[in-house]
């Protein structure tokens, strides 16, 4: 069985290894049955400005990550906004 601190560390490590970002802050963690769900706030370079060869600007994005009880990431996605996501309704 995993604890919440291990879940947080796994989320941060996963995002830093898989997306180019400067900072990861886990802002929500929950568990429903055997599935851990987390939402993280991430700062990345603005891809539009980067594509136009303009000076980079960091933008705040949110990612949702799901893991099984063994802390294996089973899915992740970038969210449009945070808006108080409820894990129980998913």
C-alpha atoms as a PDB file:
ATOM      1  CA  UNK A   1       0.000   0.000   0.000  1.00  0.00           C
ATOM      2  CA  UNK A   2       1.249   3.453  -0.914  1.00  0.00           C
ATOM      3  CA  UNK A   3       1.092   6.579   1.175  1.00  0.00           C
ATOM      4  CA  UNK A   4       0.349  10.115   0.073  1.00  0.00           C
ATOM      5  CA  UNK A   5       3.978  11.307   0.339  1.00  0.00           C
ATOM      6  CA  UNK A   6       5.127   8.550  -2.026  1.00  0.00           C
ATOM      7  CA  UNK A   7       2.347   9.487  -4.440  1.00  0.00           C
ATOM      8  CA  UNK A   8       3.437  13.140  -4.429  1.00  0.00           C
ATOM      9  CA  UNK A   9       7.082  12.211  -5.067  1.00  0.00           C
ATOM     10  CA  UNK A  10       6.076   9.898  -7.910  1.00  0.00           C
ATOM     11  CA  UNK A  11       3.966  12.615  -9.574  1.00  0.00           C
ATOM     12  CA  UNK A  12       6.770  15.192  -9.394  1.00  0.00           C
ATOM     13  CA  UNK A  13       9.369  12.729 -10.701  1.00  0.00           C
ATOM     14  CA  UNK A  14       7.111  11.547 -13.549  1.00  0.00           C
ATOM     15  CA  UNK A  15       6.302  15.068 -14.768  1.00  0.00           C
ATOM     16  CA  UNK A  16       9.911  16.290 -14.553  1.00  0.00           C
ATOM     17  CA  UNK A  17      11.065  13.288 -16.584  1.00  0.00           C
ATOM     18  CA  UNK A  18       8.341  13.459 -19.238  1.00  0.00           C
ATOM     19  CA  UNK A  19       7.671  17.129 -19.916  1.00  0.00           C
ATOM     20  CA  UNK A  20      10.020  20.084 -20.092  1.00  0.00           C
ATOM     21  CA  UNK A  21       9.065  22.126 -17.052  1.00  0.00           C
ATOM     22  CA  UNK A  22      10.611  24.362 -14.408  1.00  0.00           C
ATOM     23  CA  UNK A  23       8.527  23.687 -11.367  1.00  0.00           C
ATOM     24  CA  UNK A  24       5.961  21.074 -10.318  1.00  0.00           C
ATOM     25  CA  UNK A  25       3.574  21.628  -7.418  1.00  0.00           C
ATOM     26  CA  UNK A  26       1.104  18.901  -6.530  1.00  0.00           C
ATOM     27  CA  UNK A  27      -2.092  20.695  -5.584  1.00  0.00           C
ATOM     28  CA  UNK A  28      -4.508  17.794  -5.109  1.00  0.00           C
ATOM     29  CA  UNK A  29      -4.225  14.078  -4.317  1.00  0.00           C
ATOM     30  CA  UNK A  30      -7.024  11.618  -3.771  1.00  0.00           C
ATOM     31  CA  UNK A  31      -7.640   7.886  -3.757  1.00  0.00           C
ATOM     32  CA  UNK A  32     -10.779   6.101  -4.940  1.00  0.00           C
ATOM     33  CA  UNK A  33     -10.646   2.333  -4.430  1.00  0.00           C
ATOM     34  CA  UNK A  34      -7.164   1.326  -5.696  1.00  0.00           C
ATOM     35  CA  UNK A  35      -6.584   4.310  -8.017  1.00  0.00           C
ATOM     36  CA  UNK A  36      -4.593   7.368  -6.933  1.00  0.00           C
ATOM     37  CA  UNK A  37      -5.433  10.628  -8.722  1.00  0.00           C
ATOM     38  CA  UNK A  38      -3.403  13.808  -8.536  1.00  0.00           C
ATOM     39  CA  UNK A  39      -3.443  17.263 -10.069  1.00  0.00           C
ATOM     40  CA  UNK A  40      -0.211  19.180 -10.467  1.00  0.00           C
ATOM     41  CA  UNK A  41       0.525  22.783 -11.348  1.00  0.00           C
ATOM     42  CA  UNK A  42       3.424  23.023 -13.806  1.00  0.00           C
ATOM     43  CA  UNK A  43       5.299  25.968 -15.294  1.00  0.00           C
ATOM     44  CA  UNK A  44       6.460  25.496 -18.890  1.00  0.00           C
ATOM     45  CA  UNK A  45       7.689  27.741 -21.684  1.00  0.00           C
ATOM     46  CA  UNK A  46       4.849  29.016 -23.857  1.00  0.00           C
ATOM     47  CA  UNK A  47       4.950  26.749 -26.929  1.00  0.00           C
ATOM     48  CA  UNK A  48       3.395  29.409 -29.186  1.00  0.00           C
ATOM     49  CA  UNK A  49       6.047  31.998 -28.354  1.00  0.00           C
ATOM     50  CA  UNK A  50       8.733  29.363 -28.730  1.00  0.00           C
ATOM     51  CA  UNK A  51       7.439  28.411 -32.204  1.00  0.00           C
ATOM     52  CA  UNK A  52       7.581  32.070 -33.257  1.00  0.00           C
ATOM     53  CA  UNK A  53      11.180  32.418 -31.992  1.00  0.00           C
ATOM     54  CA  UNK A  54      10.083  35.055 -29.490  1.00  0.00           C
ATOM     55  CA  UNK A  55      11.528  35.388 -25.979  1.00  0.00           C
ATOM     56  CA  UNK A  56      10.203  32.615 -23.757  1.00  0.00           C
ATOM     57  CA  UNK A  57       7.537  33.247 -21.194  1.00  0.00           C
ATOM     58  CA  UNK A  58       6.465  30.714 -18.603  1.00  0.00           C
ATOM     59  CA  UNK A  59       2.833  29.663 -18.529  1.00  0.00           C
ATOM     60  CA  UNK A  60       1.010  27.815 -15.773  1.00  0.00           C
ATOM     61  CA  UNK A  61      -0.586  24.543 -16.815  1.00  0.00           C
ATOM     62  CA  UNK A  62      -2.359  21.777 -14.919  1.00  0.00           C
ATOM     63  CA  UNK A  63      -1.884  18.032 -15.370  1.00  0.00           C
ATOM     64  CA  UNK A  64      -4.002  15.164 -14.087  1.00  0.00           C
ATOM     65  CA  UNK A  65      -2.147  11.945 -13.262  1.00  0.00           C
ATOM     66  CA  UNK A  66      -3.643   8.566 -12.331  1.00  0.00           C
ATOM     67  CA  UNK A  67      -1.687   5.737 -10.716  1.00  0.00           C
ATOM     68  CA  UNK A  68      -2.463   2.262  -9.479  1.00  0.00           C
ATOM     69  CA  UNK A  69      -1.745   1.156  -5.923  1.00  0.00           C
ATOM     70  CA  UNK A  70       1.814   0.171  -6.968  1.00  0.00           C
ATOM     71  CA  UNK A  71       2.409   3.796  -8.078  1.00  0.00           C
ATOM     72  CA  UNK A  72       2.605   2.889 -11.753  1.00  0.00           C
ATOM     73  CA  UNK A  73       1.301   5.815 -13.815  1.00  0.00           C
ATOM     74  CA  UNK A  74      -1.691   4.589 -15.790  1.00  0.00           C
ATOM     75  CA  UNK A  75      -2.655   7.892 -17.430  1.00  0.00           C
ATOM     76  CA  UNK A  76      -1.934  11.581 -17.502  1.00  0.00           C
ATOM     77  CA  UNK A  77      -3.367  14.532 -19.370  1.00  0.00           C
ATOM     78  CA  UNK A  78      -3.048  18.283 -19.551  1.00  0.00           C
ATOM     79  CA  UNK A  79      -6.138  20.028 -18.244  1.00  0.00           C
ATOM     80  CA  UNK A  80      -7.713  23.218 -19.573  1.00  0.00           C
ATOM     81  CA  UNK A  81      -8.142  24.534 -16.046  1.00  0.00           C
ATOM     82  CA  UNK A  82      -8.202  23.302 -12.479  1.00  0.00           C
ATOM     83  CA  UNK A  83     -11.691  24.448 -11.383  1.00  0.00           C
ATOM     84  CA  UNK A  84     -11.798  22.187  -8.333  1.00  0.00           C
ATOM     85  CA  UNK A  85     -11.698  18.774 -10.011  1.00  0.00           C
ATOM     86  CA  UNK A  86     -13.681  16.145  -8.106  1.00  0.00           C
ATOM     87  CA  UNK A  87     -12.021  12.720  -8.198  1.00  0.00           C
ATOM     88  CA  UNK A  88     -15.139  10.871  -7.049  1.00  0.00           C
ATOM     89  CA  UNK A  89     -17.147  11.783 -10.158  1.00  0.00           C
ATOM     90  CA  UNK A  90     -14.616  10.381 -12.625  1.00  0.00           C
END
